C-alpha cells in the first residue's frame, strides 16, 4: 500500500501531476499494467489523502480530484496514455509514454 502513496510523500504538493504519478507507479513492483486499475488506485489515493492531510495539501489534492473526475471518462483530457511494455512484464522492463 505504501507504493501507492509514495509519489505523494516524495513530491511537493505544487508539483503533483497525473502523468508523474503513473510514471512513478510504473517503477513499483506491484504495478498492475492496467490503466483502469492504476486510475482507480490514483482516485483512492487522492480521496484518502484528502481526508487526512494539511490544508495546503488538501488544496492541491482537491484540484487533482476535480480534474480527475472531470477528465477520467474523457481519457485524461485527450492525452492518450499508452502502456507500452517493451518487453514482457516478467523481465521487468516497463515504460510509460504519451502520444
PDB file of N, CA and C in Angstrom:
ATOM      1  N   UNK A   1       0.822  -1.192   0.000  1.00  0.00           N
ATOM      2  CA  UNK A   1       0.000   0.000   0.000  1.00  0.00           C
ATOM      3  C   UNK A   1       0.864   1.252   0.000  1.00  0.00           C
ATOM      4  N   UNK A   2       2.042   1.178   0.615  1.00  0.00           N
ATOM      5  CA  UNK A   2       2.915   2.343   0.665  1.00  0.00           C
ATOM      6  C   UNK A   2       3.371   2.763  -0.725  1.00  0.00           C
ATOM      7  N   UNK A   3       3.479   1.806  -1.644  1.00  0.00           N
ATOM      8  CA  UNK A   3       3.895   2.173  -3.001  1.00  0.00           C
ATOM      9  C   UNK A   3       2.832   3.011  -3.690  1.00  0.00           C
ATOM     10  N   UNK A   4       1.601   2.933  -3.231  1.00  0.00           N
ATOM     11  CA  UNK A   4       0.541   3.766  -3.799  1.00  0.00           C
ATOM     12  C   UNK A   4       0.727   5.222  -3.388  1.00  0.00           C
ATOM     13  N   UNK A   5       1.143   5.450  -2.157  1.00  0.00           N
ATOM     14  CA  UNK A   5       1.246   6.799  -1.619  1.00  0.00           C
ATOM     15  C   UNK A   5       2.649   7.387  -1.742  1.00  0.00           C
ATOM     16  N   UNK A   6       3.608   6.581  -2.122  1.00  0.00           N
ATOM     17  CA  UNK A   6       4.992   7.032  -2.199  1.00  0.00           C
ATOM     18  C   UNK A   6       5.177   8.288  -3.023  1.00  0.00           C
ATOM     19  N   UNK A   7       4.521   8.349  -4.170  1.00  0.00           N
ATOM     20  CA  UNK A   7       4.639   9.523  -5.040  1.00  0.00           C
ATOM     21  C   UNK A   7       4.242  10.789  -4.286  1.00  0.00           C
ATOM     22  N   UNK A   8       3.158  10.735  -3.538  1.00  0.00           N
ATOM     23  CA  UNK A   8       2.659  11.911  -2.833  1.00  0.00           C
ATOM     24  C   UNK A   8       3.531  12.267  -1.637  1.00  0.00           C
ATOM     25  N   UNK A   9       4.202  11.278  -1.052  1.00  0.00           N
ATOM     26  CA  UNK A   9       5.120  11.542   0.054  1.00  0.00           C
ATOM     27  C   UNK A   9       6.417  12.171  -0.448  1.00  0.00           C
ATOM     28  N   UNK A  10       6.850  11.790  -1.650  1.00  0.00           N
ATOM     29  CA  UNK A  10       8.132  12.241  -2.185  1.00  0.00           C
ATOM     30  C   UNK A  10       8.041  13.506  -3.032  1.00  0.00           C
ATOM     31  N   UNK A  11       6.840  13.945  -3.361  1.00  0.00           N
ATOM     32  CA  UNK A  11       6.650  15.066  -4.280  1.00  0.00           C
ATOM     33  C   UNK A  11       6.003  16.239  -3.564  1.00  0.00           C
ATOM     34  N   UNK A  12       6.481  17.447  -3.853  1.00  0.00           N
ATOM     35  CA  UNK A  12       5.852  18.644  -3.296  1.00  0.00           C
ATOM     36  C   UNK A  12       4.439  18.771  -3.852  1.00  0.00           C
ATOM     37  N   UNK A  13       3.479  19.159  -3.020  1.00  0.00           N
ATOM     38  CA  UNK A  13       2.088  19.255  -3.481  1.00  0.00           C
ATOM     39  C   UNK A  13       1.908  20.110  -4.732  1.00  0.00           C
ATOM     40  N   UNK A  14       2.687  21.168  -4.867  1.00  0.00           N
ATOM     41  CA  UNK A  14       2.566  22.041  -6.034  1.00  0.00           C
ATOM     42  C   UNK A  14       3.000  21.345  -7.323  1.00  0.00           C
ATOM     43  N   UNK A  15       3.692  20.231  -7.190  1.00  0.00           N
ATOM     44  CA  UNK A  15       4.225  19.519  -8.352  1.00  0.00           C
ATOM     45  C   UNK A  15       3.455  18.240  -8.677  1.00  0.00           C
ATOM     46  N   UNK A  16       2.334  17.999  -8.015  1.00  0.00           N
ATOM     47  CA  UNK A  16       1.534  16.809  -8.296  1.00  0.00           C
ATOM     48  C   UNK A  16       0.988  16.862  -9.722  1.00  0.00           C
ATOM     49  N   UNK A  17       1.187  15.772 -10.464  1.00  0.00           N
ATOM     50  CA  UNK A  17       0.651  15.646 -11.822  1.00  0.00           C
ATOM     51  C   UNK A  17       0.261  14.190 -12.054  1.00  0.00           C
ATOM     52  N   UNK A  18      -0.830  13.999 -12.783  1.00  0.00           N
ATOM     53  CA  UNK A  18      -1.292  12.643 -13.071  1.00  0.00           C
ATOM     54  C   UNK A  18      -0.218  11.796 -13.728  1.00  0.00           C
ATOM     55  N   UNK A  19       0.361  12.294 -14.792  1.00  0.00           N
ATOM     56  CA  UNK A  19       1.321  11.506 -15.554  1.00  0.00           C
ATOM     57  C   UNK A  19       2.532  11.130 -14.709  1.00  0.00           C
ATOM     58  N   UNK A  20       2.977  12.049 -13.851  1.00  0.00           N
ATOM     59  CA  UNK A  20       4.105  11.738 -12.974  1.00  0.00           C
ATOM     60  C   UNK A  20       3.746  10.622 -11.997  1.00  0.00           C
ATOM     61  N   UNK A  21       2.497  10.625 -11.519  1.00  0.00           N
ATOM     62  CA  UNK A  21       2.052   9.541 -10.643  1.00  0.00           C
ATOM     63  C   UNK A  21       2.142   8.203 -11.376  1.00  0.00           C
ATOM     64  N   UNK A  22       1.654   8.161 -12.617  1.00  0.00           N
ATOM     65  CA  UNK A  22       1.687   6.914 -13.384  1.00  0.00           C
ATOM     66  C   UNK A  22       3.119   6.480 -13.684  1.00  0.00           C
ATOM     67  N   UNK A  23       3.988   7.420 -13.963  1.00  0.00           N
ATOM     68  CA  UNK A  23       5.399   7.082 -14.194  1.00  0.00           C
ATOM     69  C   UNK A  23       6.012   6.501 -12.926  1.00  0.00           C
ATOM     70  N   UNK A  24       5.708   7.115 -11.790  1.00  0.00           N
ATOM     71  CA  UNK A  24       6.191   6.612 -10.508  1.00  0.00           C
ATOM     72  C   UNK A  24       5.685   5.191 -10.277  1.00  0.00           C
ATOM     73  N   UNK A  25       4.390   4.992 -10.466  1.00  0.00           N
ATOM     74  CA  UNK A  25       3.792   3.675 -10.256  1.00  0.00           C
ATOM     75  C   UNK A  25       4.392   2.626 -11.180  1.00  0.00           C
ATOM     76  N   UNK A  26       4.733   3.015 -12.409  1.00  0.00           N
ATOM     77  CA  UNK A  26       5.254   2.036 -13.368  1.00  0.00           C
ATOM     78  C   UNK A  26       6.580   1.439 -12.918  1.00  0.00           C
ATOM     79  N   UNK A  27       7.237   2.081 -11.963  1.00  0.00           N
ATOM     80  CA  UNK A  27       8.517   1.588 -11.450  1.00  0.00           C
ATOM     81  C   UNK A  27       8.353   0.739 -10.192  1.00  0.00           C
ATOM     82  N   UNK A  28       7.114   0.599  -9.712  1.00  0.00           N
ATOM     83  CA  UNK A  28       6.858  -0.160  -8.494  1.00  0.00           C
ATOM     84  C   UNK A  28       6.627  -1.636  -8.818  1.00  0.00           C
ATOM     85  N   UNK A  29       6.992  -2.495  -7.890  1.00  0.00           N
ATOM     86  CA  UNK A  29       6.858  -3.937  -8.120  1.00  0.00           C
ATOM     87  C   UNK A  29       5.405  -4.390  -8.195  1.00  0.00           C
ATOM     88  N   UNK A  30       4.493  -3.626  -7.604  1.00  0.00           N
ATOM     89  CA  UNK A  30       3.080  -4.011  -7.637  1.00  0.00           C
ATOM     90  C   UNK A  30       2.297  -3.274  -8.730  1.00  0.00           C
ATOM     91  N   UNK A  31       2.990  -2.707  -9.695  1.00  0.00           N
ATOM     92  CA  UNK A  31       2.350  -2.033 -10.826  1.00  0.00           C
ATOM     93  C   UNK A  31       1.485  -3.044 -11.574  1.00  0.00           C
ATOM     94  N   UNK A  32       0.263  -2.644 -11.939  1.00  0.00           N
ATOM     95  CA  UNK A  32      -0.705  -3.602 -12.478  1.00  0.00           C
ATOM     96  C   UNK A  32      -0.709  -3.741 -13.997  1.00  0.00           C
ATOM     97  N   UNK A  33      -0.058  -2.826 -14.699  1.00  0.00           N
ATOM     98  CA  UNK A  33      -0.066  -2.827 -16.177  1.00  0.00           C
ATOM     99  C   UNK A  33      -1.470  -2.603 -16.739  1.00  0.00           C
ATOM    100  N   UNK A  34      -2.359  -2.081 -15.937  1.00  0.00           N
ATOM    101  CA  UNK A  34      -3.729  -1.811 -16.368  1.00  0.00           C
ATOM    102  C   UNK A  34      -4.038  -0.343 -16.096  1.00  0.00           C
ATOM    103  N   UNK A  35      -4.310   0.415 -17.161  1.00  0.00           N
ATOM    104  CA  UNK A  35      -4.617   1.829 -16.970  1.00  0.00           C
ATOM    105  C   UNK A  35      -5.818   1.998 -16.054  1.00  0.00           C
ATOM    106  N   UNK A  36      -6.847   1.211 -16.251  1.00  0.00           N
ATOM    107  CA  UNK A  36      -8.061   1.330 -15.444  1.00  0.00           C
ATOM    108  C   UNK A  36      -7.775   1.062 -13.962  1.00  0.00           C
ATOM    109  N   UNK A  37      -7.000   0.029 -13.671  1.00  0.00           N
ATOM    110  CA  UNK A  37      -6.675  -0.285 -12.276  1.00  0.00           C
ATOM    111  C   UNK A  37      -5.810   0.803 -11.656  1.00  0.00           C
ATOM    112  N   UNK A  38      -4.835   1.293 -12.409  1.00  0.00           N
ATOM    113  CA  UNK A  38      -3.961   2.342 -11.885  1.00  0.00           C
ATOM    114  C   UNK A  38      -4.731   3.643 -11.683  1.00  0.00           C
ATOM    115  N   UNK A  39      -5.678   3.942 -12.556  1.00  0.00           N
ATOM    116  CA  UNK A  39      -6.511   5.137 -12.382  1.00  0.00           C
ATOM    117  C   UNK A  39      -7.361   5.001 -11.122  1.00  0.00           C
ATOM    118  N   UNK A  40      -7.846   3.800 -10.846  1.00  0.00           N
ATOM    119  CA  UNK A  40      -8.621   3.561  -9.632  1.00  0.00           C
ATOM    120  C   UNK A  40      -7.745   3.725  -8.394  1.00  0.00           C
ATOM    121  N   UNK A  41      -6.511   3.238  -8.463  1.00  0.00           N
ATOM    122  CA  UNK A  41      -5.562   3.412  -7.360  1.00  0.00           C
ATOM    123  C   UNK A  41      -5.336   4.902  -7.111  1.00  0.00           C
ATOM    124  N   UNK A  42      -5.135   5.660  -8.179  1.00  0.00           N
ATOM    125  CA  UNK A  42      -4.927   7.101  -8.045  1.00  0.00           C
ATOM    126  C   UNK A  42      -6.136   7.766  -7.390  1.00  0.00           C
ATOM    127  N   UNK A  43      -7.329   7.442  -7.849  1.00  0.00           N
ATOM    128  CA  UNK A  43      -8.544   8.034  -7.287  1.00  0.00           C
ATOM    129  C   UNK A  43      -8.668   7.731  -5.795  1.00  0.00           C
ATOM    130  N   UNK A  44      -8.400   6.491  -5.408  1.00  0.00           N
ATOM    131  CA  UNK A  44      -8.479   6.111  -3.997  1.00  0.00           C
ATOM    132  C   UNK A  44      -7.420   6.836  -3.172  1.00  0.00           C
ATOM    133  N   UNK A  45      -6.214   6.947  -3.709  1.00  0.00           N
ATOM    134  CA  UNK A  45      -5.146   7.677  -3.012  1.00  0.00           C
ATOM    135  C   UNK A  45      -5.558   9.123  -2.776  1.00  0.00           C
ATOM    136  N   UNK A  46      -6.043   9.764  -3.818  1.00  0.00           N
ATOM    137  CA  UNK A  46      -6.442  11.164  -3.701  1.00  0.00           C
ATOM    138  C   UNK A  46      -7.542  11.339  -2.660  1.00  0.00           C
ATOM    139  N   UNK A  47      -8.526  10.458  -2.678  1.00  0.00           N
ATOM    140  CA  UNK A  47      -9.630  10.544  -1.711  1.00  0.00           C
ATOM    141  C   UNK A  47      -9.139  10.346  -0.285  1.00  0.00           C
ATOM    142  N   UNK A  48      -8.265   9.370  -0.071  1.00  0.00           N
ATOM    143  CA  UNK A  48      -7.747   9.107   1.272  1.00  0.00           C
ATOM    144  C   UNK A  48      -6.845  10.229   1.761  1.00  0.00           C
ATOM    145  N   UNK A  49      -5.992  10.733   0.902  1.00  0.00           N
ATOM    146  CA  UNK A  49      -5.099  11.826   1.289  1.00  0.00           C
ATOM    147  C   UNK A  49      -5.915  13.063   1.637  1.00  0.00           C
ATOM    148  N   UNK A  50      -6.965  13.302   0.907  1.00  0.00           N
ATOM    149  CA  UNK A  50      -7.821  14.463   1.145  1.00  0.00           C
ATOM    150  C   UNK A  50      -8.406  14.439   2.556  1.00  0.00           C
ATOM    151  N   UNK A  51      -8.696  13.265   3.068  1.00  0.00           N
ATOM    152  CA  UNK A  51      -9.312  13.123   4.389  1.00  0.00           C
ATOM    153  C   UNK A  51      -8.344  13.406   5.535  1.00  0.00           C
ATOM    154  N   UNK A  52      -7.048  13.202   5.306  1.00  0.00           N
ATOM    155  CA  UNK A  52      -6.117  13.207   6.437  1.00  0.00           C
ATOM    156  C   UNK A  52      -4.888  14.088   6.247  1.00  0.00           C
ATOM    157  N   UNK A  53      -4.991  15.156   5.484  1.00  0.00           N
ATOM    158  CA  UNK A  53      -3.826  15.988   5.199  1.00  0.00           C
ATOM    159  C   UNK A  53      -4.005  17.419   5.686  1.00  0.00           C
ATOM    160  N   UNK A  54      -2.893  18.158   5.638  1.00  0.00           N
ATOM    161  CA  UNK A  54      -2.921  19.577   5.992  1.00  0.00           C
ATOM    162  C   UNK A  54      -3.667  20.358   4.918  1.00  0.00           C
ATOM    163  N   UNK A  55      -4.005  21.594   5.222  1.00  0.00           N
ATOM    164  CA  UNK A  55      -4.817  22.406   4.310  1.00  0.00           C
ATOM    165  C   UNK A  55      -4.140  22.649   2.966  1.00  0.00           C
ATOM    166  N   UNK A  56      -2.817  22.884   2.948  1.00  0.00           N
ATOM    167  CA  UNK A  56      -2.147  23.145   1.667  1.00  0.00           C
ATOM    168  C   UNK A  56      -2.152  21.908   0.774  1.00  0.00           C
ATOM    169  N   UNK A  57      -1.972  20.749   1.376  1.00  0.00           N
ATOM    170  CA  UNK A  57      -2.020  19.506   0.599  1.00  0.00           C
ATOM    171  C   UNK A  57      -3.455  19.240   0.150  1.00  0.00           C
ATOM    172  N   UNK A  58      -4.414  19.480   1.035  1.00  0.00           N
ATOM    173  CA  UNK A  58      -5.826  19.285   0.671  1.00  0.00           C
ATOM    174  C   UNK A  58      -6.211  20.139  -0.528  1.00  0.00           C
ATOM    175  N   UNK A  59      -5.684  21.354  -0.576  1.00  0.00           N
ATOM    176  CA  UNK A  59      -5.997  22.245  -1.698  1.00  0.00           C
ATOM    177  C   UNK A  59      -5.503  21.651  -3.017  1.00  0.00           C
ATOM    178  N   UNK A  60      -4.270  21.160  -3.038  1.00  0.00           N
ATOM    179  CA  UNK A  60      -3.712  20.569  -4.256  1.00  0.00           C
ATOM    180  C   UNK A  60      -4.430  19.273  -4.628  1.00  0.00           C
ATOM    181  N   UNK A  61      -4.717  18.454  -3.631  1.00  0.00           N
ATOM    182  CA  UNK A  61      -5.416  17.189  -3.876  1.00  0.00           C
ATOM    183  C   UNK A  61      -6.828  17.459  -4.391  1.00  0.00           C
ATOM    184  N   UNK A  62      -7.493  18.458  -3.834  1.00  0.00           N
ATOM    185  CA  UNK A  62      -8.839  18.808  -4.304  1.00  0.00           C
ATOM    186  C   UNK A  62      -8.821  19.197  -5.773  1.00  0.00           C
ATOM    187  N   UNK A  63      -7.811  19.957  -6.164  1.00  0.00           N
ATOM    188  CA  UNK A  63      -7.685  20.343  -7.570  1.00  0.00           C
ATOM    189  C   UNK A  63      -7.467  19.119  -8.455  1.00  0.00           C
ATOM    190  N   UNK A  64      -6.595  18.216  -8.010  1.00  0.00           N
ATOM    191  CA  UNK A  64      -6.358  16.990  -8.780  1.00  0.00           C
ATOM    192  C   UNK A  64      -7.627  16.148  -8.873  1.00  0.00           C
ATOM    193  N   UNK A  65      -8.342  16.024  -7.766  1.00  0.00           N
ATOM    194  CA  UNK A  65      -9.578  15.234  -7.770  1.00  0.00           C
ATOM    195  C   UNK A  65     -10.617  15.829  -8.713  1.00  0.00           C
ATOM    196  N   UNK A  66     -10.744  17.144  -8.708  1.00  0.00           N
ATOM    197  CA  UNK A  66     -11.685  17.787  -9.623  1.00  0.00           C
ATOM    198  C   UNK A  66     -11.306  17.495 -11.068  1.00  0.00           C
ATOM    199  N   UNK A  67     -10.022  17.644 -11.370  1.00  0.00           N
ATOM    200  CA  UNK A  67      -9.552  17.352 -12.728  1.00  0.00           C
ATOM    201  C   UNK A  67      -9.745  15.882 -13.065  1.00  0.00           C
ATOM    202  N   UNK A  68      -9.473  15.019 -12.086  1.00  0.00           N
ATOM    203  CA  UNK A  68      -9.595  13.585 -12.306  1.00  0.00           C
ATOM    204  C   UNK A  68     -11.037  13.213 -12.627  1.00  0.00           C
ATOM    205  N   UNK A  69     -11.956  13.682 -11.804  1.00  0.00           N
ATOM    206  CA  UNK A  69     -13.366  13.358 -12.015  1.00  0.00           C
ATOM    207  C   UNK A  69     -13.860  13.903 -13.349  1.00  0.00           C
ATOM    208  N   UNK A  70     -13.421  15.100 -13.705  1.00  0.00           N
ATOM    209  CA  UNK A  70     -13.872  15.719 -14.952  1.00  0.00           C
ATOM    210  C   UNK A  70     -13.259  15.060 -16.175  1.00  0.00           C
ATOM    211  N   UNK A  71     -12.062  14.532 -16.026  1.00  0.00           N
ATOM    212  CA  UNK A  71     -11.353  14.050 -17.206  1.00  0.00           C
ATOM    213  C   UNK A  71     -11.236  12.537 -17.313  1.00  0.00           C
ATOM    214  N   UNK A  72     -11.560  11.811 -16.264  1.00  0.00           N
ATOM    215  CA  UNK A  72     -11.373  10.361 -16.285  1.00  0.00           C
ATOM    216  C   UNK A  72     -12.074   9.720 -17.475  1.00  0.00           C
ATOM    217  N   UNK A  73     -13.317  10.068 -17.693  1.00  0.00           N
ATOM    218  CA  UNK A  73     -14.047   9.464 -18.799  1.00  0.00           C
ATOM    219  C   UNK A  73     -13.704  10.118 -20.129  1.00  0.00           C
ATOM    220  N   UNK A  74     -13.010  11.232 -20.063  1.00  0.00           N
ATOM    221  CA  UNK A  74     -12.530  11.903 -21.269  1.00  0.00           C
ATOM    222  C   UNK A  74     -11.081  11.489 -21.537  1.00  0.00           C
ATOM    223  N   UNK A  75     -10.665  10.399 -20.917  1.00  0.00           N
ATOM    224  CA  UNK A  75      -9.333   9.813 -21.066  1.00  0.00           C
ATOM    225  C   UNK A  75      -8.238  10.846 -20.850  1.00  0.00           C
ATOM    226  N   UNK A  76      -8.274  11.425 -19.665  1.00  0.00           N
ATOM    227  CA  UNK A  76      -7.285  12.400 -19.216  1.00  0.00           C
ATOM    228  C   UNK A  76      -7.148  13.579 -20.165  1.00  0.00           C
ATOM    229  N   UNK A  77      -8.269  14.202 -20.464  1.00  0.00           N
ATOM    230  CA  UNK A  77      -8.313  15.419 -21.287  1.00  0.00           C
ATOM    231  C   UNK A  77      -7.609  15.263 -22.624  1.00  0.00           C
ATOM    232  N   UNK A  78      -7.834  14.167 -23.283  1.00  0.00           N
ATOM    233  CA  UNK A  78      -7.281  13.987 -24.620  1.00  0.00           C
ATOM    234  C   UNK A  78      -5.905  13.353 -24.654  1.00  0.00           C
ATOM    235  N   UNK A  79      -5.234  13.254 -23.532  1.00  0.00           N
ATOM    236  CA  UNK A  79      -3.944  12.558 -23.517  1.00  0.00           C
ATOM    237  C   UNK A  79      -4.248  11.072 -23.656  1.00  0.00           C
ATOM    238  N   UNK A  80      -3.713  10.494 -24.650  1.00  0.00           N
ATOM    239  CA  UNK A  80      -3.888   9.059 -24.827  1.00  0.00           C
ATOM    240  C   UNK A  80      -2.688   8.381 -24.184  1.00  0.00           C
ATOM    241  N   UNK A  81      -2.956   7.803 -23.042  1.00  0.00           N
ATOM    242  CA  UNK A  81      -1.880   7.155 -22.314  1.00  0.00           C
ATOM    243  C   UNK A  81      -1.695   5.760 -22.883  1.00  0.00           C
ATOM    244  N   UNK A  82      -0.509   5.488 -23.272  1.00  0.00           N
ATOM    245  CA  UNK A  82      -0.190   4.193 -23.861  1.00  0.00           C
ATOM    246  C   UNK A  82       0.699   3.438 -22.889  1.00  0.00           C
ATOM    247  N   UNK A  83       0.199   2.307 -22.471  1.00  0.00           N
ATOM    248  CA  UNK A  83       1.017   1.461 -21.623  1.00  0.00           C
ATOM    249  C   UNK A  83       1.857   0.616 -22.568  1.00  0.00           C
ATOM    250  N   UNK A  84       3.058   1.012 -22.735  1.00  0.00           N
ATOM    251  CA  UNK A  84       3.915   0.338 -23.695  1.00  0.00           C
ATOM    252  C   UNK A  84       4.904  -0.533 -22.932  1.00  0.00           C
ATOM    253  N   UNK A  85       4.740  -1.780 -23.098  1.00  0.00           N
ATOM    254  CA  UNK A  85       5.639  -2.720 -22.459  1.00  0.00           C
ATOM    255  C   UNK A  85       6.621  -3.186 -23.529  1.00  0.00           C
ATOM    256  N   UNK A  86       7.851  -2.731 -23.422  1.00  0.00           N
ATOM    257  CA  UNK A  86       8.818  -3.027 -24.464  1.00  0.00           C
ATOM    258  C   UNK A  86       9.370  -4.441 -24.348  1.00  0.00           C
ATOM    259  N   UNK A  87       9.076  -5.071 -23.253  1.00  0.00           N
ATOM    260  CA  UNK A  87       9.464  -6.457 -23.056  1.00  0.00           C
ATOM    261  C   UNK A  87       8.389  -7.063 -22.163  1.00  0.00           C
ATOM    262  N   UNK A  88       8.427  -8.339 -21.948  1.00  0.00           N
ATOM    263  CA  UNK A  88       7.406  -8.957 -21.109  1.00  0.00           C
ATOM    264  C   UNK A  88       7.525  -8.448 -19.674  1.00  0.00           C
ATOM    265  N   UNK A  89       6.403  -8.365 -18.950  1.00  0.00           N
ATOM    266  CA  UNK A  89       6.448  -7.902 -17.562  1.00  0.00           C
ATOM    267  C   UNK A  89       7.366  -8.755 -16.694  1.00  0.00           C
ATOM    268  N   UNK A  90       7.508 -10.019 -17.043  1.00  0.00           N
ATOM    269  CA  UNK A  90       8.369 -10.900 -16.256  1.00  0.00           C
ATOM    270  C   UNK A  90       9.818 -10.424 -16.274  1.00  0.00           C
ATOM    271  N   UNK A  91      10.218  -9.767 -17.346  1.00  0.00           N
ATOM    272  CA  UNK A  91      11.592  -9.281 -17.441  1.00  0.00           C
ATOM    273  C   UNK A  91      11.759  -7.938 -16.745  1.00  0.00           C
ATOM    274  N   UNK A  92      10.650  -7.355 -16.299  1.00  0.00           N
ATOM    275  CA  UNK A  92      10.729  -6.131 -15.520  1.00  0.00           C
ATOM    276  C   UNK A  92      11.009  -4.873 -16.316  1.00  0.00           C
ATOM    277  N   UNK A  93      10.831  -4.893 -17.618  1.00  0.00           N
ATOM    278  CA  UNK A  93      11.063  -3.704 -18.427  1.00  0.00           C
ATOM    279  C   UNK A  93       9.730  -2.999 -18.606  1.00  0.00           C
ATOM    280  N   UNK A  94       9.608  -1.821 -18.008  1.00  0.00           N
ATOM    281  CA  UNK A  94       8.334  -1.110 -18.029  1.00  0.00           C
ATOM    282  C   UNK A  94       8.576   0.313 -18.520  1.00  0.00           C
ATOM    283  N   UNK A  95       7.788   0.770 -19.450  1.00  0.00           N
ATOM    284  CA  UNK A  95       7.874   2.159 -19.869  1.00  0.00           C
ATOM    285  C   UNK A  95       6.475   2.721 -19.978  1.00  0.00           C
ATOM    286  N   UNK A  96       6.358   4.003 -19.763  1.00  0.00           N
ATOM    287  CA  UNK A  96       5.076   4.687 -19.869  1.00  0.00           C
ATOM    288  C   UNK A  96       5.290   5.876 -20.776  1.00  0.00           C
ATOM    289  N   UNK A  97       4.535   5.950 -21.863  1.00  0.00           N
ATOM    290  CA  UNK A  97       4.697   7.042 -22.809  1.00  0.00           C
ATOM    291  C   UNK A  97       3.349   7.664 -23.109  1.00  0.00           C
ATOM    292  N   UNK A  98       3.365   8.867 -23.662  1.00  0.00           N
ATOM    293  CA  UNK A  98       2.127   9.506 -24.098  1.00  0.00           C
ATOM    294  C   UNK A  98       2.218   9.772 -25.583  1.00  0.00           C
ATOM    295  N   UNK A  99       1.059   9.757 -26.233  1.00  0.00           N
ATOM    296  CA  UNK A  99       1.017  10.067 -27.661  1.00  0.00           C
ATOM    297  C   UNK A  99      -0.007  11.140 -27.906  1.00  0.00           C
TER     298      UNK A  99
END
